[in-house]
Every structure is written in C-alpha cells, then in structure tokens.
PDB file of N, CA and C in Angstrom:
ATOM      1  N   MET A   1     209.507  45.255  27.611  1.00  0.00           N
ATOM      2  CA  MET A   1     209.649  43.868  27.997  1.00  0.00           C
ATOM      3  C   MET A   1     210.419  43.134  26.899  1.00  0.00           C
ATOM      4  N   ALA A   2     211.410  42.380  27.277  1.00  0.00           N
ATOM      5  CA  ALA A   2     212.198  41.614  26.321  1.00  0.00           C
ATOM      6  C   ALA A   2     211.418  40.392  25.852  1.00  0.00           C
ATOM      7  N   THR A   3     211.677  40.002  24.626  1.00  0.00           N
ATOM      8  CA  THR A   3     211.041  38.798  24.094  1.00  0.00           C
ATOM      9  C   THR A   3     212.063  37.682  24.028  1.00  0.00           C
ATOM     10  N   GLU A   4     211.571  36.466  24.022  1.00  0.00           N
ATOM     11  CA  GLU A   4     212.462  35.311  23.929  1.00  0.00           C
ATOM     12  C   GLU A   4     213.077  35.230  22.548  1.00  0.00           C
ATOM     13  N   ARG A   5     214.233  34.625  22.486  1.00  0.00           N
ATOM     14  CA  ARG A   5     214.921  34.443  21.215  1.00  0.00           C
ATOM     15  C   ARG A   5     215.145  32.954  21.003  1.00  0.00           C
ATOM     16  N   GLU A   6     214.966  32.504  19.776  1.00  0.00           N
ATOM     17  CA  GLU A   6     215.197  31.104  19.430  1.00  0.00           C
ATOM     18  C   GLU A   6     216.334  31.027  18.432  1.00  0.00           C
ATOM     19  N   ASN A   7     217.361  30.290  18.767  1.00  0.00           N
ATOM     20  CA  ASN A   7     218.450  30.028  17.828  1.00  0.00           C
ATOM     21  C   ASN A   7     218.197  28.689  17.158  1.00  0.00           C
ATOM     22  N   ILE A   8     218.298  28.673  15.847  1.00  0.00           N
ATOM     23  CA  ILE A   8     218.013  27.458  15.090  1.00  0.00           C
ATOM     24  C   ILE A   8     219.214  27.123  14.224  1.00  0.00           C
ATOM     25  N   ASP A   9     219.671  25.887  14.290  1.00  0.00           N
ATOM     26  CA  ASP A   9     220.739  25.403  13.423  1.00  0.00           C
ATOM     27  C   ASP A   9     220.138  24.409  12.440  1.00  0.00           C
ATOM     28  N   LEU A  10     220.414  24.618  11.167  1.00  0.00           N
ATOM     29  CA  LEU A  10     219.934  23.713  10.130  1.00  0.00           C
ATOM     30  C   LEU A  10     221.129  23.015   9.502  1.00  0.00           C
ATOM     31  N   HIS A  11     220.950  21.756   9.161  1.00  0.00           N
ATOM     32  CA  HIS A  11     222.025  20.965   8.575  1.00  0.00           C
ATOM     33  C   HIS A  11     221.490  20.198   7.378  1.00  0.00           C
ATOM     34  N   GLY A  12     222.376  19.848   6.480  1.00  0.00           N
ATOM     35  CA  GLY A  12     222.032  18.984   5.361  1.00  0.00           C
ATOM     36  C   GLY A  12     220.923  19.537   4.494  1.00  0.00           C
ATOM     37  N   GLY A  13     219.932  18.688   4.244  1.00  0.00           N
ATOM     38  CA  GLY A  13     218.821  19.045   3.367  1.00  0.00           C
ATOM     39  C   GLY A  13     218.012  20.226   3.870  1.00  0.00           C
ATOM     40  N   GLN A  14     217.873  20.341   5.183  1.00  0.00           N
ATOM     41  CA  GLN A  14     217.112  21.469   5.732  1.00  0.00           C
ATOM     42  C   GLN A  14     217.828  22.786   5.465  1.00  0.00           C
ATOM     43  N   ALA A  15     219.139  22.791   5.619  1.00  0.00           N
ATOM     44  CA  ALA A  15     219.918  24.007   5.351  1.00  0.00           C
ATOM     45  C   ALA A  15     219.854  24.359   3.874  1.00  0.00           C
ATOM     46  N   GLU A  16     219.928  23.343   3.029  1.00  0.00           N
ATOM     47  CA  GLU A  16     219.851  23.576   1.579  1.00  0.00           C
ATOM     48  C   GLU A  16     218.492  24.162   1.201  1.00  0.00           C
ATOM     49  N   ARG A  17     217.431  23.608   1.759  1.00  0.00           N
ATOM     50  CA  ARG A  17     216.076  24.104   1.465  1.00  0.00           C
ATOM     51  C   ARG A  17     215.917  25.544   1.947  1.00  0.00           C
ATOM     52  N   PHE A  18     216.468  25.864   3.120  1.00  0.00           N
ATOM     53  CA  PHE A  18     216.420  27.225   3.641  1.00  0.00           C
ATOM     54  C   PHE A  18     217.094  28.188   2.670  1.00  0.00           C
ATOM     55  N   ARG A  19     218.272  27.792   2.166  1.00  0.00           N
ATOM     56  CA  ARG A  19     218.996  28.656   1.219  1.00  0.00           C
ATOM     57  C   ARG A  19     218.218  28.835  -0.075  1.00  0.00           C
ATOM     58  N   GLU A  20     217.545  27.781  -0.540  1.00  0.00           N
ATOM     59  CA  GLU A  20     216.722  27.889  -1.754  1.00  0.00           C
ATOM     60  C   GLU A  20     215.605  28.915  -1.552  1.00  0.00           C
ATOM     61  N   ILE A  21     214.937  28.824  -0.421  1.00  0.00           N
ATOM     62  CA  ILE A  21     213.851  29.758  -0.128  1.00  0.00           C
ATOM     63  C   ILE A  21     214.389  31.171   0.033  1.00  0.00           C
ATOM     64  N   ARG A  22     215.523  31.323   0.721  1.00  0.00           N
ATOM     65  CA  ARG A  22     216.147  32.642   0.883  1.00  0.00           C
ATOM     66  C   ARG A  22     216.499  33.239  -0.482  1.00  0.00           C
ATOM     67  N   ASP A  23     217.039  32.397  -1.381  1.00  0.00           N
ATOM     68  CA  ASP A  23     217.416  32.886  -2.709  1.00  0.00           C
ATOM     69  C   ASP A  23     216.196  33.290  -3.522  1.00  0.00           C
ATOM     70  N   ARG A  24     215.108  32.533  -3.406  1.00  0.00           N
ATOM     71  CA  ARG A  24     213.866  32.915  -4.109  1.00  0.00           C
ATOM     72  C   ARG A  24     213.349  34.251  -3.596  1.00  0.00           C
ATOM     73  N   LEU A  25     213.372  34.421  -2.269  1.00  0.00           N
ATOM     74  CA  LEU A  25     212.944  35.700  -1.699  1.00  0.00           C
ATOM     75  C   LEU A  25     213.847  36.834  -2.157  1.00  0.00           C
ATOM     76  N   GLU A  26     215.146  36.558  -2.236  1.00  0.00           N
ATOM     77  CA  GLU A  26     216.081  37.579  -2.689  1.00  0.00           C
ATOM     78  C   GLU A  26     215.738  38.026  -4.113  1.00  0.00           C
ATOM     79  N   ASN A  27     215.433  37.072  -4.977  1.00  0.00           N
ATOM     80  CA  ASN A  27     215.046  37.413  -6.353  1.00  0.00           C
ATOM     81  C   ASN A  27     213.764  38.227  -6.383  1.00  0.00           C
ATOM     82  N   LYS A  28     212.826  37.880  -5.517  1.00  0.00           N
ATOM     83  CA  LYS A  28     211.538  38.584  -5.470  1.00  0.00           C
ATOM     84  C   LYS A  28     211.676  39.989  -4.876  1.00  0.00           C
ATOM     85  N   LEU A  29     212.467  40.122  -3.808  1.00  0.00           N
ATOM     86  CA  LEU A  29     212.581  41.392  -3.096  1.00  0.00           C
ATOM     87  C   LEU A  29     213.624  42.329  -3.700  1.00  0.00           C
ATOM     88  N   GLY A  30     214.622  41.761  -4.367  1.00  0.00           N
ATOM     89  CA  GLY A  30     215.685  42.583  -4.924  1.00  0.00           C
ATOM     90  C   GLY A  30     216.840  42.815  -3.961  1.00  0.00           C
ATOM     91  N   TYR A  31     216.808  42.169  -2.812  1.00  0.00           N
ATOM     92  CA  TYR A  31     217.904  42.239  -1.845  1.00  0.00           C
ATOM     93  C   TYR A  31     217.875  40.964  -1.018  1.00  0.00           C
ATOM     94  N   ARG A  32     219.012  40.635  -0.394  1.00  0.00           N
ATOM     95  CA  ARG A  32     219.074  39.414   0.412  1.00  0.00           C
ATOM     96  C   ARG A  32     218.398  39.650   1.759  1.00  0.00           C
ATOM     97  N   PRO A  33     217.314  38.917   2.040  1.00  0.00           N
ATOM     98  CA  PRO A  33     216.641  39.092   3.324  1.00  0.00           C
ATOM     99  C   PRO A  33     217.457  38.511   4.471  1.00  0.00           C
ATOM    100  N   THR A  34     217.242  39.043   5.653  1.00  0.00           N
ATOM    101  CA  THR A  34     217.905  38.523   6.842  1.00  0.00           C
ATOM    102  C   THR A  34     217.336  37.147   7.178  1.00  0.00           C
ATOM    103  N   LYS A  35     218.057  36.396   7.983  1.00  0.00           N
ATOM    104  CA  LYS A  35     217.565  35.081   8.397  1.00  0.00           C
ATOM    105  C   LYS A  35     216.222  35.184   9.119  1.00  0.00           C
ATOM    106  N   PRO A  36     216.054  36.145  10.052  1.00  0.00           N
ATOM    107  CA  PRO A  36     214.741  36.255  10.698  1.00  0.00           C
ATOM    108  C   PRO A  36     213.617  36.565   9.705  1.00  0.00           C
ATOM    109  N   ARG A  37     213.913  37.341   8.679  1.00  0.00           N
ATOM    110  CA  ARG A  37     212.894  37.654   7.671  1.00  0.00           C
ATOM    111  C   ARG A  37     212.500  36.401   6.902  1.00  0.00           C
ATOM    112  N   VAL A  38     213.482  35.553   6.563  1.00  0.00           N
ATOM    113  CA  VAL A  38     213.180  34.301   5.858  1.00  0.00           C
ATOM    114  C   VAL A  38     212.335  33.393   6.733  1.00  0.00           C
ATOM    115  N   VAL A  39     212.713  33.256   8.003  1.00  0.00           N
ATOM    116  CA  VAL A  39     211.941  32.413   8.925  1.00  0.00           C
ATOM    117  C   VAL A  39     210.533  32.966   9.081  1.00  0.00           C
ATOM    118  N   GLY A  40     210.402  34.288   9.178  1.00  0.00           N
ATOM    119  CA  GLY A  40     209.078  34.910   9.269  1.00  0.00           C
ATOM    120  C   GLY A  40     208.232  34.583   8.057  1.00  0.00           C
ATOM    121  N   HIS A  41     208.832  34.628   6.879  1.00  0.00           N
ATOM    122  CA  HIS A  41     208.110  34.282   5.647  1.00  0.00           C
ATOM    123  C   HIS A  41     207.646  32.832   5.698  1.00  0.00           C
ATOM    124  N   LEU A  42     208.540  31.938   6.127  1.00  0.00           N
ATOM    125  CA  LEU A  42     208.179  30.528   6.215  1.00  0.00           C
ATOM    126  C   LEU A  42     207.021  30.312   7.186  1.00  0.00           C
ATOM    127  N   LEU A  43     207.079  30.965   8.335  1.00  0.00           N
ATOM    128  CA  LEU A  43     206.008  30.813   9.327  1.00  0.00           C
ATOM    129  C   LEU A  43     204.689  31.370   8.811  1.00  0.00           C
ATOM    130  N   GLU A  44     204.734  32.478   8.091  1.00  0.00           N
ATOM    131  CA  GLU A  44     203.513  33.073   7.550  1.00  0.00           C
ATOM    132  C   GLU A  44     202.838  32.183   6.516  1.00  0.00           C
ATOM    133  N   HIS A  45     203.637  31.455   5.729  1.00  0.00           N
ATOM    134  CA  HIS A  45     203.102  30.719   4.594  1.00  0.00           C
ATOM    135  C   HIS A  45     203.018  29.217   4.809  1.00  0.00           C
ATOM    136  N   TYR A  46     203.265  28.766   6.011  1.00  0.00           N
ATOM    137  CA  TYR A  46     203.208  27.332   6.285  1.00  0.00           C
ATOM    138  C   TYR A  46     201.792  26.934   6.670  1.00  0.00           C
ATOM    139  N   ASP A  47     201.230  26.000   5.906  1.00  0.00           N
ATOM    140  CA  ASP A  47     199.877  25.528   6.188  1.00  0.00           C
ATOM    141  C   ASP A  47     199.800  24.018   6.374  1.00  0.00           C
ATOM    142  N   GLY A  48     200.930  23.385   6.535  1.00  0.00           N
ATOM    143  CA  GLY A  48     200.950  21.932   6.643  1.00  0.00           C
ATOM    144  C   GLY A  48     200.732  21.432   8.060  1.00  0.00           C
ATOM    145  N   PRO A  49     200.735  20.119   8.213  1.00  0.00           N
ATOM    146  CA  PRO A  49     200.548  19.515   9.541  1.00  0.00           C
ATOM    147  C   PRO A  49     201.773  19.738  10.417  1.00  0.00           C
ATOM    148  N   LEU A  50     201.568  19.723  11.694  1.00  0.00           N
ATOM    149  CA  LEU A  50     202.658  19.922  12.642  1.00  0.00           C
ATOM    150  C   LEU A  50     203.153  18.628  13.249  1.00  0.00           C
ATOM    151  N   ASP A  51     202.771  17.496  12.680  1.00  0.00           N
ATOM    152  CA  ASP A  51     203.239  16.221  13.224  1.00  0.00           C
ATOM    153  C   ASP A  51     204.291  15.585  12.364  1.00  0.00           C
TER     154      ASP A  51
END
C-alpha cells in the first residue's frame, strides 16, 4: 500500500533554521542527512504546543 507524501517549502527564517538543524545533525552523524531524515528528527524531538 502506498503512503501519502507531503511536500514542504520553507522560506526565510524557517529555511535558515532548517539548515542550522541539518548542519548540526551532519556534525553529529558525520554525513549530511537527507531532508526526510531531518524532518523525522524534528518530529521525534518536538514537544512544544501545536497552536
């Protein structure tokens, strides 16, 4: 069974923050993670409000 796919475009400060997090993960992992891997990390570690 196929799963749904979500395309996300980030601009400005959000794109910059994404790159910062991706770069931190790259330093930790020793290789540049894929965009889905970065998003997965963000989803796993997000504990804030959704409003």
